Amino acid sequence: GAGEAKPGQFLAIYSEDRTKLLPRPISICAVDAKAGTLRVVYRI
């Protein structure tokens, strides 16, 4: 994902609580394709 991400895109992150079936969409804050990391900043 880090190798393909562009500014303005987002991730769908799934909860480990399986009673919550739908993912939470969180915008990508920073990309490090070389390190293979994505950073998200979110509010509860």
PDB file of all heavy atoms in Angstrom:
ATOM      1  N   GLY A   1       0.817  -1.204   0.000  1.00  0.00           N
ATOM      2  CA  GLY A   1       0.000   0.000   0.000  1.00  0.00           C
ATOM      3  C   GLY A   1       0.850   1.253   0.000  1.00  0.00           C
ATOM      4  O   GLY A   1       0.542   2.239  -0.686  1.00  0.00           O
ATOM      5  N   ALA A   2       1.957   1.232   0.744  1.00  0.00           N
ATOM      6  CA  ALA A   2       2.839   2.395   0.804  1.00  0.00           C
ATOM      7  C   ALA A   2       3.485   2.675  -0.544  1.00  0.00           C
ATOM      8  O   ALA A   2       3.774   3.819  -0.886  1.00  0.00           O
ATOM      9  CB  ALA A   2       3.917   2.183   1.865  1.00  0.00           C
ATOM     10  N   GLY A   3       3.701   1.638  -1.321  1.00  0.00           N
ATOM     11  CA  GLY A   3       4.320   1.816  -2.632  1.00  0.00           C
ATOM     12  C   GLY A   3       3.394   2.432  -3.653  1.00  0.00           C
ATOM     13  O   GLY A   3       3.853   2.902  -4.693  1.00  0.00           O
ATOM     14  N   GLU A   4       2.096   2.437  -3.379  1.00  0.00           N
ATOM     15  CA  GLU A   4       1.126   2.929  -4.355  1.00  0.00           C
ATOM     16  C   GLU A   4       0.334   4.137  -3.888  1.00  0.00           C
ATOM     17  O   GLU A   4      -0.369   4.776  -4.677  1.00  0.00           O
ATOM     18  CB  GLU A   4       0.148   1.796  -4.714  1.00  0.00           C
ATOM     19  CG  GLU A   4       0.824   0.584  -5.338  1.00  0.00           C
ATOM     20  CD  GLU A   4      -0.176  -0.489  -5.738  1.00  0.00           C
ATOM     21  OE1 GLU A   4      -1.334  -0.413  -5.297  1.00  0.00           O
ATOM     22  OE2 GLU A   4       0.208  -1.390  -6.499  1.00  0.00           O
ATOM     23  N   ALA A   5       0.405   4.486  -2.606  1.00  0.00           N
ATOM     24  CA  ALA A   5      -0.448   5.533  -2.040  1.00  0.00           C
ATOM     25  C   ALA A   5      -0.121   6.922  -2.589  1.00  0.00           C
ATOM     26  O   ALA A   5       1.036   7.249  -2.847  1.00  0.00           O
ATOM     27  CB  ALA A   5      -0.325   5.540  -0.524  1.00  0.00           C
ATOM     28  N   LYS A   6      -1.175   7.724  -2.754  1.00  0.00           N
ATOM     29  CA  LYS A   6      -1.053   9.106  -3.214  1.00  0.00           C
ATOM     30  C   LYS A   6      -1.711  10.039  -2.201  1.00  0.00           C
ATOM     31  O   LYS A   6      -2.641   9.640  -1.493  1.00  0.00           O
ATOM     32  CB  LYS A   6      -1.733   9.268  -4.584  1.00  0.00           C
ATOM     33  CG  LYS A   6      -1.114   8.453  -5.698  1.00  0.00           C
ATOM     34  CD  LYS A   6      -1.881   8.668  -6.995  1.00  0.00           C
ATOM     35  CE  LYS A   6      -1.267   7.867  -8.136  1.00  0.00           C
ATOM     36  NZ  LYS A   6      -2.031   8.053  -9.406  1.00  0.00           N
ATOM     37  N   PRO A   7      -1.262  11.289  -2.138  1.00  0.00           N
ATOM     38  CA  PRO A   7      -1.896  12.250  -1.230  1.00  0.00           C
ATOM     39  C   PRO A   7      -3.390  12.386  -1.512  1.00  0.00           C
ATOM     40  O   PRO A   7      -3.798  12.531  -2.674  1.00  0.00           O
ATOM     41  CB  PRO A   7      -1.167  13.549  -1.535  1.00  0.00           C
ATOM     42  CG  PRO A   7       0.162  13.134  -2.068  1.00  0.00           C
ATOM     43  CD  PRO A   7      -0.101  11.882  -2.847  1.00  0.00           C
ATOM     44  N   GLY A   8      -4.179  12.310  -0.467  1.00  0.00           N
ATOM     45  CA  GLY A   8      -5.631  12.425  -0.609  1.00  0.00           C
ATOM     46  C   GLY A   8      -6.359  11.098  -0.537  1.00  0.00           C
ATOM     47  O   GLY A   8      -7.586  11.072  -0.412  1.00  0.00           O
ATOM     48  N   GLN A   9      -5.623   9.979  -0.612  1.00  0.00           N
ATOM     49  CA  GLN A   9      -6.268   8.674  -0.505  1.00  0.00           C
ATOM     50  C   GLN A   9      -6.449   8.296   0.970  1.00  0.00           C
ATOM     51  O   GLN A   9      -5.982   8.982   1.870  1.00  0.00           O
ATOM     52  CB  GLN A   9      -5.433   7.616  -1.224  1.00  0.00           C
ATOM     53  CG  GLN A   9      -5.426   7.782  -2.737  1.00  0.00           C
ATOM     54  CD  GLN A   9      -4.757   6.609  -3.434  1.00  0.00           C
ATOM     55  OE1 GLN A   9      -3.563   6.355  -3.233  1.00  0.00           O
ATOM     56  NE2 GLN A   9      -5.512   5.901  -4.244  1.00  0.00           N
ATOM     57  N   PHE A  10      -7.153   7.176   1.194  1.00  0.00           N
ATOM     58  CA  PHE A  10      -7.414   6.760   2.562  1.00  0.00           C
ATOM     59  C   PHE A  10      -7.303   5.250   2.696  1.00  0.00           C
ATOM     60  O   PHE A  10      -7.211   4.511   1.703  1.00  0.00           O
ATOM     61  CB  PHE A  10      -8.800   7.234   3.017  1.00  0.00           C
ATOM     62  CG  PHE A  10      -9.963   6.589   2.280  1.00  0.00           C
ATOM     63  CD1 PHE A  10     -10.622   5.483   2.800  1.00  0.00           C
ATOM     64  CD2 PHE A  10     -10.407   7.104   1.066  1.00  0.00           C
ATOM     65  CE1 PHE A  10     -11.688   4.899   2.122  1.00  0.00           C
ATOM     66  CE2 PHE A  10     -11.474   6.530   0.382  1.00  0.00           C
ATOM     67  CZ  PHE A  10     -12.120   5.427   0.918  1.00  0.00           C
ATOM     68  N   LEU A  11      -7.289   4.792   3.947  1.00  0.00           N
ATOM     69  CA  LEU A  11      -7.272   3.379   4.269  1.00  0.00           C
ATOM     70  C   LEU A  11      -8.590   2.989   4.924  1.00  0.00           C
ATOM     71  O   LEU A  11      -9.207   3.796   5.626  1.00  0.00           O
ATOM     72  CB  LEU A  11      -6.138   3.046   5.249  1.00  0.00           C
ATOM     73  CG  LEU A  11      -4.713   3.344   4.797  1.00  0.00           C
ATOM     74  CD1 LEU A  11      -3.740   3.032   5.931  1.00  0.00           C
ATOM     75  CD2 LEU A  11      -4.353   2.561   3.543  1.00  0.00           C
ATOM     76  N   ALA A  12      -9.014   1.752   4.712  1.00  0.00           N
ATOM     77  CA  ALA A  12     -10.135   1.177   5.451  1.00  0.00           C
ATOM     78  C   ALA A  12      -9.517   0.214   6.467  1.00  0.00           C
ATOM     79  O   ALA A  12      -8.903  -0.787   6.084  1.00  0.00           O
ATOM     80  CB  ALA A  12     -11.081   0.444   4.513  1.00  0.00           C
ATOM     81  N   ILE A  13      -9.651   0.528   7.739  1.00  0.00           N
ATOM     82  CA  ILE A  13      -9.016  -0.259   8.799  1.00  0.00           C
ATOM     83  C   ILE A  13     -10.083  -1.010   9.577  1.00  0.00           C
ATOM     84  O   ILE A  13     -11.061  -0.423  10.044  1.00  0.00           O
ATOM     85  CB  ILE A  13      -8.190   0.644   9.732  1.00  0.00           C
ATOM     86  CG1 ILE A  13      -7.154   1.436   8.920  1.00  0.00           C
ATOM     87  CG2 ILE A  13      -7.493  -0.191  10.796  1.00  0.00           C
ATOM     88  CD1 ILE A  13      -6.292   2.369   9.749  1.00  0.00           C
ATOM     89  N   TYR A  14      -9.880  -2.314   9.704  1.00  0.00           N
ATOM     90  CA  TYR A  14     -10.868  -3.180  10.356  1.00  0.00           C
ATOM     91  C   TYR A  14     -10.545  -3.365  11.833  1.00  0.00           C
ATOM     92  O   TYR A  14      -9.387  -3.507  12.220  1.00  0.00           O
ATOM     93  CB  TYR A  14     -10.902  -4.553   9.676  1.00  0.00           C
ATOM     94  CG  TYR A  14     -11.462  -4.527   8.278  1.00  0.00           C
ATOM     95  CD1 TYR A  14     -10.670  -4.120   7.198  1.00  0.00           C
ATOM     96  CD2 TYR A  14     -12.771  -4.895   8.019  1.00  0.00           C
ATOM     97  CE1 TYR A  14     -11.183  -4.081   5.908  1.00  0.00           C
ATOM     98  CE2 TYR A  14     -13.293  -4.863   6.732  1.00  0.00           C
ATOM     99  CZ  TYR A  14     -12.497  -4.461   5.692  1.00  0.00           C
ATOM    100  OH  TYR A  14     -13.000  -4.420   4.417  1.00  0.00           O
ATOM    101  N   SER A  15     -11.593  -3.378  12.641  1.00  0.00           N
ATOM    102  CA  SER A  15     -11.437  -3.605  14.073  1.00  0.00           C
ATOM    103  C   SER A  15     -11.221  -5.095  14.338  1.00  0.00           C
ATOM    104  O   SER A  15     -11.718  -5.959  13.613  1.00  0.00           O
ATOM    105  CB  SER A  15     -12.686  -3.125  14.813  1.00  0.00           C
ATOM    106  OG  SER A  15     -12.638  -3.519  16.160  1.00  0.00           O
ATOM    107  N   GLU A  16     -10.478  -5.376  15.387  1.00  0.00           N
ATOM    108  CA  GLU A  16     -10.308  -6.764  15.812  1.00  0.00           C
ATOM    109  C   GLU A  16     -11.545  -7.277  16.543  1.00  0.00           C
ATOM    110  O   GLU A  16     -11.677  -8.472  16.784  1.00  0.00           O
ATOM    111  CB  GLU A  16      -9.073  -6.889  16.719  1.00  0.00           C
ATOM    112  CG  GLU A  16      -7.757  -6.615  15.999  1.00  0.00           C
ATOM    113  CD  GLU A  16      -7.538  -7.559  14.819  1.00  0.00           C
ATOM    114  OE1 GLU A  16      -7.112  -8.712  15.054  1.00  0.00           O
ATOM    115  OE2 GLU A  16      -7.791  -7.148  13.671  1.00  0.00           O
ATOM    116  N   ASP A  17     -12.453  -6.389  16.885  1.00  0.00           N
ATOM    117  CA  ASP A  17     -13.741  -6.766  17.474  1.00  0.00           C
ATOM    118  C   ASP A  17     -14.654  -7.209  16.340  1.00  0.00           C
ATOM    119  O   ASP A  17     -15.138  -6.388  15.561  1.00  0.00           O
ATOM    120  CB  ASP A  17     -14.342  -5.577  18.220  1.00  0.00           C
ATOM    121  CG  ASP A  17     -15.672  -5.902  18.879  1.00  0.00           C
ATOM    122  OD1 ASP A  17     -16.240  -6.975  18.597  1.00  0.00           O
ATOM    123  OD2 ASP A  17     -16.158  -5.065  19.674  1.00  0.00           O
ATOM    124  N   ARG A  18     -14.882  -8.473  16.208  1.00  0.00           N
ATOM    125  CA  ARG A  18     -15.615  -9.014  15.058  1.00  0.00           C
ATOM    126  C   ARG A  18     -17.100  -8.690  15.087  1.00  0.00           C
ATOM    127  O   ARG A  18     -17.831  -9.015  14.141  1.00  0.00           O
ATOM    128  CB  ARG A  18     -15.399 -10.533  14.956  1.00  0.00           C
ATOM    129  CG  ARG A  18     -13.960 -10.896  14.602  1.00  0.00           C
ATOM    130  CD  ARG A  18     -13.491 -10.157  13.362  1.00  0.00           C
ATOM    131  NE  ARG A  18     -12.086 -10.398  13.044  1.00  0.00           N
ATOM    132  CZ  ARG A  18     -11.428  -9.764  12.089  1.00  0.00           C
ATOM    133  NH1 ARG A  18     -12.025  -8.840  11.375  1.00  0.00           N
ATOM    134  NH2 ARG A  18     -10.154 -10.028  11.871  1.00  0.00           N
ATOM    135  N   THR A  19     -17.594  -8.062  16.157  1.00  0.00           N
ATOM    136  CA  THR A  19     -18.976  -7.587  16.145  1.00  0.00           C
ATOM    137  C   THR A  19     -19.089  -6.310  15.316  1.00  0.00           C
ATOM    138  O   THR A  19     -20.186  -5.873  14.978  1.00  0.00           O
ATOM    139  CB  THR A  19     -19.489  -7.306  17.573  1.00  0.00           C
ATOM    140  OG1 THR A  19     -18.768  -6.211  18.139  1.00  0.00           O
ATOM    141  CG2 THR A  19     -19.333  -8.536  18.459  1.00  0.00           C
ATOM    142  N   LYS A  20     -17.953  -5.708  15.002  1.00  0.00           N
ATOM    143  CA  LYS A  20     -17.919  -4.504  14.172  1.00  0.00           C
ATOM    144  C   LYS A  20     -17.433  -4.901  12.781  1.00  0.00           C
ATOM    145  O   LYS A  20     -16.243  -5.001  12.521  1.00  0.00           O
ATOM    146  CB  LYS A  20     -17.011  -3.452  14.809  1.00  0.00           C
ATOM    147  CG  LYS A  20     -17.535  -2.967  16.158  1.00  0.00           C
ATOM    148  CD  LYS A  20     -16.551  -2.062  16.850  1.00  0.00           C
ATOM    149  CE  LYS A  20     -17.145  -1.460  18.120  1.00  0.00           C
ATOM    150  NZ  LYS A  20     -17.828  -2.416  18.993  1.00  0.00           N
ATOM    151  N   LEU A  21     -18.385  -5.170  11.903  1.00  0.00           N
ATOM    152  CA  LEU A  21     -18.069  -5.753  10.610  1.00  0.00           C
ATOM    153  C   LEU A  21     -17.470  -4.745   9.632  1.00  0.00           C
ATOM    154  O   LEU A  21     -16.658  -5.105   8.783  1.00  0.00           O
ATOM    155  CB  LEU A  21     -19.335  -6.370   9.995  1.00  0.00           C
ATOM    156  CG  LEU A  21     -19.986  -7.496  10.808  1.00  0.00           C
ATOM    157  CD1 LEU A  21     -21.246  -7.981  10.101  1.00  0.00           C
ATOM    158  CD2 LEU A  21     -19.009  -8.642  11.016  1.00  0.00           C
ATOM    159  N   LEU A  22     -17.874  -3.495   9.729  1.00  0.00           N
ATOM    160  CA  LEU A  22     -17.443  -2.513   8.745  1.00  0.00           C
ATOM    161  C   LEU A  22     -16.132  -1.848   9.158  1.00  0.00           C
ATOM    162  O   LEU A  22     -15.922  -1.579  10.346  1.00  0.00           O
ATOM    163  CB  LEU A  22     -18.516  -1.438   8.560  1.00  0.00           C
ATOM    164  CG  LEU A  22     -19.852  -1.934   7.997  1.00  0.00           C
ATOM    165  CD1 LEU A  22     -20.856  -0.791   7.979  1.00  0.00           C
ATOM    166  CD2 LEU A  22     -19.675  -2.518   6.603  1.00  0.00           C
ATOM    167  N   PRO A  23     -15.260  -1.567   8.200  1.00  0.00           N
ATOM    168  CA  PRO A  23     -13.993  -0.897   8.515  1.00  0.00           C
ATOM    169  C   PRO A  23     -14.201   0.583   8.793  1.00  0.00           C
ATOM    170  O   PRO A  23     -15.248   1.153   8.463  1.00  0.00           O
ATOM    171  CB  PRO A  23     -13.170  -1.100   7.244  1.00  0.00           C
ATOM    172  CG  PRO A  23     -14.207  -1.127   6.157  1.00  0.00           C
ATOM    173  CD  PRO A  23     -15.389  -1.849   6.751  1.00  0.00           C
ATOM    174  N   ARG A  24     -13.199   1.205   9.381  1.00  0.00           N
ATOM    175  CA  ARG A  24     -13.209   2.651   9.613  1.00  0.00           C
ATOM    176  C   ARG A  24     -12.316   3.311   8.573  1.00  0.00           C
ATOM    177  O   ARG A  24     -11.143   2.943   8.452  1.00  0.00           O
ATOM    178  CB  ARG A  24     -12.694   2.978  11.018  1.00  0.00           C
ATOM    179  CG  ARG A  24     -13.763   2.997  12.100  1.00  0.00           C
ATOM    180  CD  ARG A  24     -14.560   1.730  12.175  1.00  0.00           C
ATOM    181  NE  ARG A  24     -15.608   1.796  13.193  1.00  0.00           N
ATOM    182  CZ  ARG A  24     -16.508   0.847  13.348  1.00  0.00           C
ATOM    183  NH1 ARG A  24     -16.528  -0.212  12.560  1.00  0.00           N
ATOM    184  NH2 ARG A  24     -17.432   0.962  14.296  1.00  0.00           N
ATOM    185  N   PRO A  25     -12.843   4.270   7.809  1.00  0.00           N
ATOM    186  CA  PRO A  25     -12.018   4.962   6.813  1.00  0.00           C
ATOM    187  C   PRO A  25     -11.181   6.037   7.482  1.00  0.00           C
ATOM    188  O   PRO A  25     -11.696   6.881   8.212  1.00  0.00           O
ATOM    189  CB  PRO A  25     -13.053   5.579   5.875  1.00  0.00           C
ATOM    190  CG  PRO A  25     -14.248   5.816   6.751  1.00  0.00           C
ATOM    191  CD  PRO A  25     -14.250   4.728   7.789  1.00  0.00           C
ATOM    192  N   ILE A  26      -9.875   6.020   7.248  1.00  0.00           N
ATOM    193  CA  ILE A  26      -8.977   7.009   7.837  1.00  0.00           C
ATOM    194  C   ILE A  26      -8.023   7.501   6.748  1.00  0.00           C
ATOM    195  O   ILE A  26      -7.363   6.703   6.072  1.00  0.00           O
ATOM    196  CB  ILE A  26      -8.178   6.430   9.020  1.00  0.00           C
ATOM    197  CG1 ILE A  26      -9.138   5.885  10.101  1.00  0.00           C
ATOM    198  CG2 ILE A  26      -7.258   7.483   9.610  1.00  0.00           C
ATOM    199  CD1 ILE A  26      -8.431   5.270  11.297  1.00  0.00           C
ATOM    200  N   SER A  27      -7.951   8.812   6.591  1.00  0.00           N
ATOM    201  CA  SER A  27      -7.101   9.393   5.554  1.00  0.00           C
ATOM    202  C   SER A  27      -5.627   9.144   5.835  1.00  0.00           C
ATOM    203  O   SER A  27      -5.194   9.101   6.990  1.00  0.00           O
ATOM    204  CB  SER A  27      -7.348  10.904   5.460  1.00  0.00           C
ATOM    205  OG  SER A  27      -8.661  11.168   5.057  1.00  0.00           O
ATOM    206  N   ILE A  28      -4.860   9.004   4.768  1.00  0.00           N
ATOM    207  CA  ILE A  28      -3.422   8.819   4.881  1.00  0.00           C
ATOM    208  C   ILE A  28      -2.773  10.170   5.157  1.00  0.00           C
ATOM    209  O   ILE A  28      -2.993  11.141   4.428  1.00  0.00           O
ATOM    210  CB  ILE A  28      -2.854   8.200   3.593  1.00  0.00           C
ATOM    211  CG1 ILE A  28      -3.425   6.789   3.395  1.00  0.00           C
ATOM    212  CG2 ILE A  28      -1.332   8.171   3.634  1.00  0.00           C
ATOM    213  CD1 ILE A  28      -3.152   6.203   2.020  1.00  0.00           C
ATOM    214  N   CYS A  29      -1.973  10.224   6.200  1.00  0.00           N
ATOM    215  CA  CYS A  29      -1.288  11.460   6.587  1.00  0.00           C
ATOM    216  C   CYS A  29       0.099  11.549   5.949  1.00  0.00           C
ATOM    217  O   CYS A  29       0.507  12.624   5.516  1.00  0.00           O
ATOM    218  CB  CYS A  29      -1.183  11.523   8.114  1.00  0.00           C
ATOM    219  SG  CYS A  29      -0.188  12.886   8.752  1.00  0.00           S
ATOM    220  N   ALA A  30       0.820  10.437   5.925  1.00  0.00           N
ATOM    221  CA  ALA A  30       2.175  10.448   5.383  1.00  0.00           C
ATOM    222  C   ALA A  30       2.508   9.090   4.784  1.00  0.00           C
ATOM    223  O   ALA A  30       1.993   8.058   5.225  1.00  0.00           O
ATOM    224  CB  ALA A  30       3.185  10.814   6.470  1.00  0.00           C
ATOM    225  N   VAL A  31       3.385   9.111   3.778  1.00  0.00           N
ATOM    226  CA  VAL A  31       3.780   7.911   3.051  1.00  0.00           C
ATOM    227  C   VAL A  31       5.294   7.803   3.041  1.00  0.00           C
ATOM    228  O   VAL A  31       5.989   8.785   2.775  1.00  0.00           O
ATOM    229  CB  VAL A  31       3.273   7.967   1.583  1.00  0.00           C
ATOM    230  CG1 VAL A  31       3.708   6.722   0.823  1.00  0.00           C
ATOM    231  CG2 VAL A  31       1.768   8.151   1.530  1.00  0.00           C
ATOM    232  N   ASP A  32       5.802   6.622   3.345  1.00  0.00           N
ATOM    233  CA  ASP A  32       7.234   6.350   3.194  1.00  0.00           C
ATOM    234  C   ASP A  32       7.349   5.054   2.389  1.00  0.00           C
ATOM    235  O   ASP A  32       7.354   3.960   2.953  1.00  0.00           O
ATOM    236  CB  ASP A  32       7.916   6.214   4.556  1.00  0.00           C
ATOM    237  CG  ASP A  32       9.445   6.155   4.436  1.00  0.00           C
ATOM    238  OD1 ASP A  32       9.939   5.684   3.391  1.00  0.00           O
ATOM    239  OD2 ASP A  32      10.134   6.556   5.394  1.00  0.00           O
ATOM    240  N   ALA A  33       7.390   5.208   1.059  1.00  0.00           N
ATOM    241  CA  ALA A  33       7.417   4.038   0.189  1.00  0.00           C
ATOM    242  C   ALA A  33       8.672   3.207   0.405  1.00  0.00           C
ATOM    243  O   ALA A  33       8.636   1.976   0.357  1.00  0.00           O
ATOM    244  CB  ALA A  33       7.311   4.472  -1.271  1.00  0.00           C
ATOM    245  N   LYS A  34       9.794   3.875   0.662  1.00  0.00           N
ATOM    246  CA  LYS A  34      11.057   3.154   0.858  1.00  0.00           C
ATOM    247  C   LYS A  34      11.006   2.285   2.112  1.00  0.00           C
ATOM    248  O   LYS A  34      11.452   1.130   2.102  1.00  0.00           O
ATOM    249  CB  LYS A  34      12.211   4.141   0.962  1.00  0.00           C
ATOM    250  CG  LYS A  34      13.579   3.495   1.027  1.00  0.00           C
ATOM    251  CD  LYS A  34      14.687   4.543   1.011  1.00  0.00           C
ATOM    252  CE  LYS A  34      16.064   3.893   1.069  1.00  0.00           C
ATOM    253  NZ  LYS A  34      17.161   4.910   1.045  1.00  0.00           N
ATOM    254  N   ALA A  35      10.446   2.818   3.188  1.00  0.00           N
ATOM    255  CA  ALA A  35      10.340   2.047   4.438  1.00  0.00           C
ATOM    256  C   ALA A  35       9.127   1.131   4.443  1.00  0.00           C
ATOM    257  O   ALA A  35       9.002   0.259   5.311  1.00  0.00           O
ATOM    258  CB  ALA A  35      10.268   3.004   5.625  1.00  0.00           C
ATOM    259  N   GLY A  36       8.204   1.339   3.483  1.00  0.00           N
ATOM    260  CA  GLY A  36       6.996   0.506   3.424  1.00  0.00           C
ATOM    261  C   GLY A  36       5.990   0.829   4.506  1.00  0.00           C
ATOM    262  O   GLY A  36       5.277  -0.058   4.985  1.00  0.00           O
ATOM    263  N   THR A  37       5.908   2.116   4.877  1.00  0.00           N
ATOM    264  CA  THR A  37       5.011   2.503   5.964  1.00  0.00           C
ATOM    265  C   THR A  37       4.001   3.558   5.519  1.00  0.00           C
ATOM    266  O   THR A  37       4.261   4.362   4.629  1.00  0.00           O
ATOM    267  CB  THR A  37       5.790   3.057   7.174  1.00  0.00           C
ATOM    268  OG1 THR A  37       6.470   4.261   6.792  1.00  0.00           O
ATOM    269  CG2 THR A  37       6.782   2.035   7.693  1.00  0.00           C
ATOM    270  N   LEU A  38       2.860   3.530   6.175  1.00  0.00           N
ATOM    271  CA  LEU A  38       1.831   4.542   6.018  1.00  0.00           C
ATOM    272  C   LEU A  38       1.498   5.083   7.401  1.00  0.00           C
ATOM    273  O   LEU A  38       1.434   4.330   8.373  1.00  0.00           O
ATOM    274  CB  LEU A  38       0.574   3.969   5.364  1.00  0.00           C
ATOM    275  CG  LEU A  38       0.691   3.552   3.905  1.00  0.00           C
ATOM    276  CD1 LEU A  38      -0.586   2.882   3.440  1.00  0.00           C
ATOM    277  CD2 LEU A  38       0.999   4.756   3.018  1.00  0.00           C
ATOM    278  N   ARG A  39       1.254   6.373   7.468  1.00  0.00           N
ATOM    279  CA  ARG A  39       0.937   7.026   8.739  1.00  0.00           C
ATOM    280  C   ARG A  39      -0.472   7.590   8.670  1.00  0.00           C
ATOM    281  O   ARG A  39      -0.855   8.210   7.669  1.00  0.00           O
ATOM    282  CB  ARG A  39       1.938   8.143   8.983  1.00  0.00           C
ATOM    283  CG  ARG A  39       1.728   8.962  10.245  1.00  0.00           C
ATOM    284  CD  ARG A  39       2.727  10.093  10.267  1.00  0.00           C
ATOM    285  NE  ARG A  39       2.569  10.995  11.396  1.00  0.00           N
ATOM    286  CZ  ARG A  39       3.151  12.183  11.488  1.00  0.00           C
ATOM    287  NH1 ARG A  39       3.942  12.601  10.506  1.00  0.00           N
ATOM    288  NH2 ARG A  39       2.951  12.956  12.542  1.00  0.00           N
ATOM    289  N   VAL A  40      -1.254   7.345   9.711  1.00  0.00           N
ATOM    290  CA  VAL A  40      -2.596   7.915   9.802  1.00  0.00           C
ATOM    291  C   VAL A  40      -2.716   8.679  11.112  1.00  0.00           C
ATOM    292  O   VAL A  40      -2.148   8.284  12.128  1.00  0.00           O
ATOM    293  CB  VAL A  40      -3.700   6.832   9.710  1.00  0.00           C
ATOM    294  CG1 VAL A  40      -3.701   6.176   8.338  1.00  0.00           C
ATOM    295  CG2 VAL A  40      -3.542   5.781  10.799  1.00  0.00           C
ATOM    296  N   VAL A  41      -3.419   9.788  11.065  1.00  0.00           N
ATOM    297  CA  VAL A  41      -3.723  10.565  12.270  1.00  0.00           C
ATOM    298  C   VAL A  41      -5.238  10.673  12.331  1.00  0.00           C
ATOM    299  O   VAL A  41      -5.868  11.157  11.378  1.00  0.00           O
ATOM    300  CB  VAL A  41      -3.066  11.960  12.221  1.00  0.00           C
ATOM    301  CG1 VAL A  41      -3.541  12.806  13.399  1.00  0.00           C
ATOM    302  CG2 VAL A  41      -1.541  11.830  12.246  1.00  0.00           C
ATOM    303  N   TYR A  42      -5.817  10.222  13.410  1.00  0.00           N
ATOM    304  CA  TYR A  42      -7.276  10.127  13.497  1.00  0.00           C
ATOM    305  C   TYR A  42      -7.771  10.616  14.854  1.00  0.00           C
ATOM    306  O   TYR A  42      -7.035  10.659  15.834  1.00  0.00           O
ATOM    307  CB  TYR A  42      -7.726   8.678  13.273  1.00  0.00           C
ATOM    308  CG  TYR A  42      -7.224   7.699  14.314  1.00  0.00           C
ATOM    309  CD1 TYR A  42      -8.007   7.364  15.420  1.00  0.00           C
ATOM    310  CD2 TYR A  42      -5.955   7.118  14.207  1.00  0.00           C
ATOM    311  CE1 TYR A  42      -7.539   6.479  16.389  1.00  0.00           C
ATOM    312  CE2 TYR A  42      -5.486   6.238  15.166  1.00  0.00           C
ATOM    313  CZ  TYR A  42      -6.278   5.918  16.250  1.00  0.00           C
ATOM    314  OH  TYR A  42      -5.813   5.056  17.213  1.00  0.00           O
ATOM    315  N   ARG A  43      -9.038  10.970  14.885  1.00  0.00           N
ATOM    316  CA  ARG A  43      -9.693  11.375  16.130  1.00  0.00           C
ATOM    317  C   ARG A  43     -10.662  10.277  16.555  1.00  0.00           C
ATOM    318  O   ARG A  43     -11.339   9.671  15.714  1.00  0.00           O
ATOM    319  CB  ARG A  43     -10.456  12.687  15.939  1.00  0.00           C
ATOM    320  CG  ARG A  43     -11.268  13.111  17.165  1.00  0.00           C
ATOM    321  CD  ARG A  43     -12.010  14.413  16.919  1.00  0.00           C
ATOM    322  NE  ARG A  43     -11.120  15.552  16.966  1.00  0.00           N
ATOM    323  CZ  ARG A  43     -11.097  16.532  16.080  1.00  0.00           C
ATOM    324  NH1 ARG A  43     -11.904  16.485  15.035  1.00  0.00           N
ATOM    325  NH2 ARG A  43     -10.265  17.544  16.220  1.00  0.00           N
ATOM    326  N   ILE A  44     -10.721   9.989  17.836  1.00  0.00           N
ATOM    327  CA  ILE A  44     -11.694   9.024  18.333  1.00  0.00           C
ATOM    328  C   ILE A  44     -13.093   9.558  18.050  1.00  0.00           C
ATOM    329  O   ILE A  44     -13.473  10.636  18.515  1.00  0.00           O
ATOM    330  CB  ILE A  44     -11.523   8.759  19.841  1.00  0.00           C
ATOM    331  CG1 ILE A  44     -10.183   8.070  20.108  1.00  0.00           C
ATOM    332  CG2 ILE A  44     -12.678   7.903  20.366  1.00  0.00           C
ATOM    333  CD1 ILE A  44      -9.898   7.847  21.586  1.00  0.00           C
TER     334      ILE A  44
END
